[in-house]
């Protein structure tokens, strides 16, 4: 059963989705499972706040676009009637990979938008 209701906002570096019928704890578990399958290291900072990181920042700085590095943060805010707003923020700009790196970040954010809309 899909819990996704709609996409509230998609702008450069931010995706905001609305879900219904799930708590922040359950969503946190779903996101951690999904993102670990995608090869991300997931850090659970606090209640409803996650840091998603994939690749090596040091290697990215040294070798540029030849190395993958993505970093995103996820925040959750409960709403009324069992709704949950999930925001995905871009934390790395991709500048260390030049124009190619910046395009890689945009492509990965679009891919994450698709993944999160299928939860």
C-alpha atoms as a PDB file:
ATOM      1  CA  UNK A   1       0.000   0.000   0.000  1.00  0.00           C
ATOM      2  CA  UNK A   2       1.442   3.327  -1.058  1.00  0.00           C
ATOM      3  CA  UNK A   3       1.534   5.928   1.678  1.00  0.00           C
ATOM      4  CA  UNK A   4       2.519   8.766  -0.648  1.00  0.00           C
ATOM      5  CA  UNK A   5      -0.194  11.405  -1.133  1.00  0.00           C
ATOM      6  CA  UNK A   6       1.418  14.154  -3.195  1.00  0.00           C
ATOM      7  CA  UNK A   7       4.519  16.180  -3.894  1.00  0.00           C
ATOM      8  CA  UNK A   8       4.199  19.526  -2.140  1.00  0.00           C
ATOM      9  CA  UNK A   9       7.252  21.232  -3.584  1.00  0.00           C
ATOM     10  CA  UNK A  10      10.230  20.501  -5.803  1.00  0.00           C
ATOM     11  CA  UNK A  11      12.820  23.232  -6.231  1.00  0.00           C
ATOM     12  CA  UNK A  12      16.600  23.239  -6.599  1.00  0.00           C
ATOM     13  CA  UNK A  13      17.935  21.286  -3.654  1.00  0.00           C
ATOM     14  CA  UNK A  14      14.594  20.581  -1.944  1.00  0.00           C
ATOM     15  CA  UNK A  15      11.861  17.981  -2.268  1.00  0.00           C
ATOM     16  CA  UNK A  16       8.821  18.084  -0.001  1.00  0.00           C
ATOM     17  CA  UNK A  17       6.376  15.155  -0.004  1.00  0.00           C
ATOM     18  CA  UNK A  18       3.162  14.492   1.918  1.00  0.00           C
ATOM     19  CA  UNK A  19       2.355  11.031   3.325  1.00  0.00           C
ATOM     20  CA  UNK A  20      -0.707   9.767   5.156  1.00  0.00           C
ATOM     21  CA  UNK A  21      -1.264   6.936   7.614  1.00  0.00           C
ATOM     22  CA  UNK A  22       2.300   6.559   8.885  1.00  0.00           C
ATOM     23  CA  UNK A  23       4.162   7.803  11.940  1.00  0.00           C
ATOM     24  CA  UNK A  24       7.579   9.447  11.877  1.00  0.00           C
ATOM     25  CA  UNK A  25       9.138   6.365  13.521  1.00  0.00           C
ATOM     26  CA  UNK A  26       7.731   4.006  10.885  1.00  0.00           C
ATOM     27  CA  UNK A  27       8.770   6.363   8.075  1.00  0.00           C
ATOM     28  CA  UNK A  28      12.272   6.601   9.544  1.00  0.00           C
ATOM     29  CA  UNK A  29      12.591   2.799   9.450  1.00  0.00           C
ATOM     30  CA  UNK A  30      11.284   2.653   5.866  1.00  0.00           C
ATOM     31  CA  UNK A  31      13.691   5.364   4.704  1.00  0.00           C
ATOM     32  CA  UNK A  32      16.668   3.742   6.439  1.00  0.00           C
ATOM     33  CA  UNK A  33      15.903   0.352   4.838  1.00  0.00           C
ATOM     34  CA  UNK A  34      15.338   1.873   1.396  1.00  0.00           C
ATOM     35  CA  UNK A  35      18.434   4.074   1.417  1.00  0.00           C
ATOM     36  CA  UNK A  36      20.748   1.371   2.754  1.00  0.00           C
ATOM     37  CA  UNK A  37      19.630  -0.793  -0.184  1.00  0.00           C
ATOM     38  CA  UNK A  38      20.660   2.093  -2.452  1.00  0.00           C
ATOM     39  CA  UNK A  39      24.167   2.152  -0.944  1.00  0.00           C
ATOM     40  CA  UNK A  40      23.740   5.160   1.339  1.00  0.00           C
ATOM     41  CA  UNK A  41      25.127   5.460   4.856  1.00  0.00           C
ATOM     42  CA  UNK A  42      22.241   6.657   6.997  1.00  0.00           C
ATOM     43  CA  UNK A  43      22.838   8.603  10.200  1.00  0.00           C
ATOM     44  CA  UNK A  44      19.855   9.062  12.478  1.00  0.00           C
ATOM     45  CA  UNK A  45      20.612  12.368  14.234  1.00  0.00           C
ATOM     46  CA  UNK A  46      17.405  12.912  16.171  1.00  0.00           C
ATOM     47  CA  UNK A  47      13.714  12.199  16.013  1.00  0.00           C
ATOM     48  CA  UNK A  48      12.770  12.390  12.355  1.00  0.00           C
ATOM     49  CA  UNK A  49      16.079  13.824  11.125  1.00  0.00           C
ATOM     50  CA  UNK A  50      18.337  11.721   8.920  1.00  0.00           C
ATOM     51  CA  UNK A  51      21.595  12.345   7.075  1.00  0.00           C
ATOM     52  CA  UNK A  52      22.052  10.333   3.859  1.00  0.00           C
ATOM     53  CA  UNK A  53      25.605  10.070   2.555  1.00  0.00           C
ATOM     54  CA  UNK A  54      27.034   8.058  -0.329  1.00  0.00           C
ATOM     55  CA  UNK A  55      30.650   7.997  -1.438  1.00  0.00           C
ATOM     56  CA  UNK A  56      33.761   9.732  -0.146  1.00  0.00           C
ATOM     57  CA  UNK A  57      34.027  13.502   0.169  1.00  0.00           C
ATOM     58  CA  UNK A  58      37.836  13.405   0.285  1.00  0.00           C
ATOM     59  CA  UNK A  59      38.067  11.365  -2.912  1.00  0.00           C
ATOM     60  CA  UNK A  60      35.528  13.693  -4.534  1.00  0.00           C
ATOM     61  CA  UNK A  61      37.677  16.720  -3.658  1.00  0.00           C
ATOM     62  CA  UNK A  62      40.811  15.038  -5.034  1.00  0.00           C
ATOM     63  CA  UNK A  63      39.412  13.373  -8.154  1.00  0.00           C
ATOM     64  CA  UNK A  64      36.374  15.513  -8.992  1.00  0.00           C
ATOM     65  CA  UNK A  65      33.516  14.100 -11.025  1.00  0.00           C
ATOM     66  CA  UNK A  66      35.223  10.715 -11.388  1.00  0.00           C
ATOM     67  CA  UNK A  67      34.135   9.853  -7.838  1.00  0.00           C
ATOM     68  CA  UNK A  68      30.582   9.691  -6.528  1.00  0.00           C
ATOM     69  CA  UNK A  69      29.648  11.735  -3.468  1.00  0.00           C
ATOM     70  CA  UNK A  70      26.132  12.663  -2.406  1.00  0.00           C
ATOM     71  CA  UNK A  71      24.885  14.090   0.877  1.00  0.00           C
ATOM     72  CA  UNK A  72      21.246  14.812   1.690  1.00  0.00           C
ATOM     73  CA  UNK A  73      19.319  15.506   4.874  1.00  0.00           C
ATOM     74  CA  UNK A  74      15.786  14.332   5.558  1.00  0.00           C
ATOM     75  CA  UNK A  75      13.450  16.014   8.030  1.00  0.00           C
ATOM     76  CA  UNK A  76       9.957  14.928   9.016  1.00  0.00           C
ATOM     77  CA  UNK A  77       7.142  17.026  10.424  1.00  0.00           C
ATOM     78  CA  UNK A  78       3.847  15.487  11.569  1.00  0.00           C
ATOM     79  CA  UNK A  79       0.691  17.274  10.479  1.00  0.00           C
ATOM     80  CA  UNK A  80      -3.014  17.010  11.127  1.00  0.00           C
ATOM     81  CA  UNK A  81      -5.127  13.895  10.470  1.00  0.00           C
ATOM     82  CA  UNK A  82      -2.173  11.494  10.479  1.00  0.00           C
ATOM     83  CA  UNK A  83      -0.273  13.320   7.738  1.00  0.00           C
ATOM     84  CA  UNK A  84       3.511  13.477   7.623  1.00  0.00           C
ATOM     85  CA  UNK A  85       5.588  15.937   5.624  1.00  0.00           C
ATOM     86  CA  UNK A  86       9.013  14.655   4.555  1.00  0.00           C
ATOM     87  CA  UNK A  87      11.586  17.152   3.277  1.00  0.00           C
ATOM     88  CA  UNK A  88      14.761  16.101   1.459  1.00  0.00           C
ATOM     89  CA  UNK A  89      17.472  18.776   1.355  1.00  0.00           C
ATOM     90  CA  UNK A  90      20.591  18.739  -0.782  1.00  0.00           C
ATOM     91  CA  UNK A  91      23.650  19.119   1.467  1.00  0.00           C
ATOM     92  CA  UNK A  92      26.435  18.888  -1.121  1.00  0.00           C
ATOM     93  CA  UNK A  93      26.503  21.180  -4.135  1.00  0.00           C
ATOM     94  CA  UNK A  94      28.634  19.026  -6.406  1.00  0.00           C
ATOM     95  CA  UNK A  95      30.954  21.967  -7.082  1.00  0.00           C
ATOM     96  CA  UNK A  96      34.017  19.817  -6.398  1.00  0.00           C
ATOM     97  CA  UNK A  97      33.047  17.814  -9.496  1.00  0.00           C
ATOM     98  CA  UNK A  98      32.573  20.917 -11.655  1.00  0.00           C
ATOM     99  CA  UNK A  99      29.588  21.149 -13.982  1.00  0.00           C
ATOM    100  CA  UNK A 100      29.472  17.374 -14.285  1.00  0.00           C
ATOM    101  CA  UNK A 101      29.339  17.016 -10.491  1.00  0.00           C
ATOM    102  CA  UNK A 102      26.563  19.587 -10.192  1.00  0.00           C
ATOM    103  CA  UNK A 103      24.567  17.715 -12.838  1.00  0.00           C
ATOM    104  CA  UNK A 104      25.161  14.431 -10.966  1.00  0.00           C
ATOM    105  CA  UNK A 105      23.621  15.963  -7.830  1.00  0.00           C
ATOM    106  CA  UNK A 106      20.549  17.165  -9.750  1.00  0.00           C
ATOM    107  CA  UNK A 107      20.123  13.738 -11.337  1.00  0.00           C
ATOM    108  CA  UNK A 108      20.433  11.989  -7.972  1.00  0.00           C
ATOM    109  CA  UNK A 109      17.902  14.352  -6.401  1.00  0.00           C
ATOM    110  CA  UNK A 110      15.425  13.524  -9.190  1.00  0.00           C
ATOM    111  CA  UNK A 111      16.060   9.810  -8.596  1.00  0.00           C
ATOM    112  CA  UNK A 112      15.439  10.254  -4.859  1.00  0.00           C
ATOM    113  CA  UNK A 113      12.218  12.088  -5.669  1.00  0.00           C
ATOM    114  CA  UNK A 114      11.066   9.026  -7.617  1.00  0.00           C
ATOM    115  CA  UNK A 115      12.110   6.627  -4.812  1.00  0.00           C
ATOM    116  CA  UNK A 116      10.390   8.656  -2.112  1.00  0.00           C
ATOM    117  CA  UNK A 117       7.201   8.970  -4.168  1.00  0.00           C
ATOM    118  CA  UNK A 118       6.961   5.163  -4.240  1.00  0.00           C
ATOM    119  CA  UNK A 119       7.003   4.690  -0.458  1.00  0.00           C
END
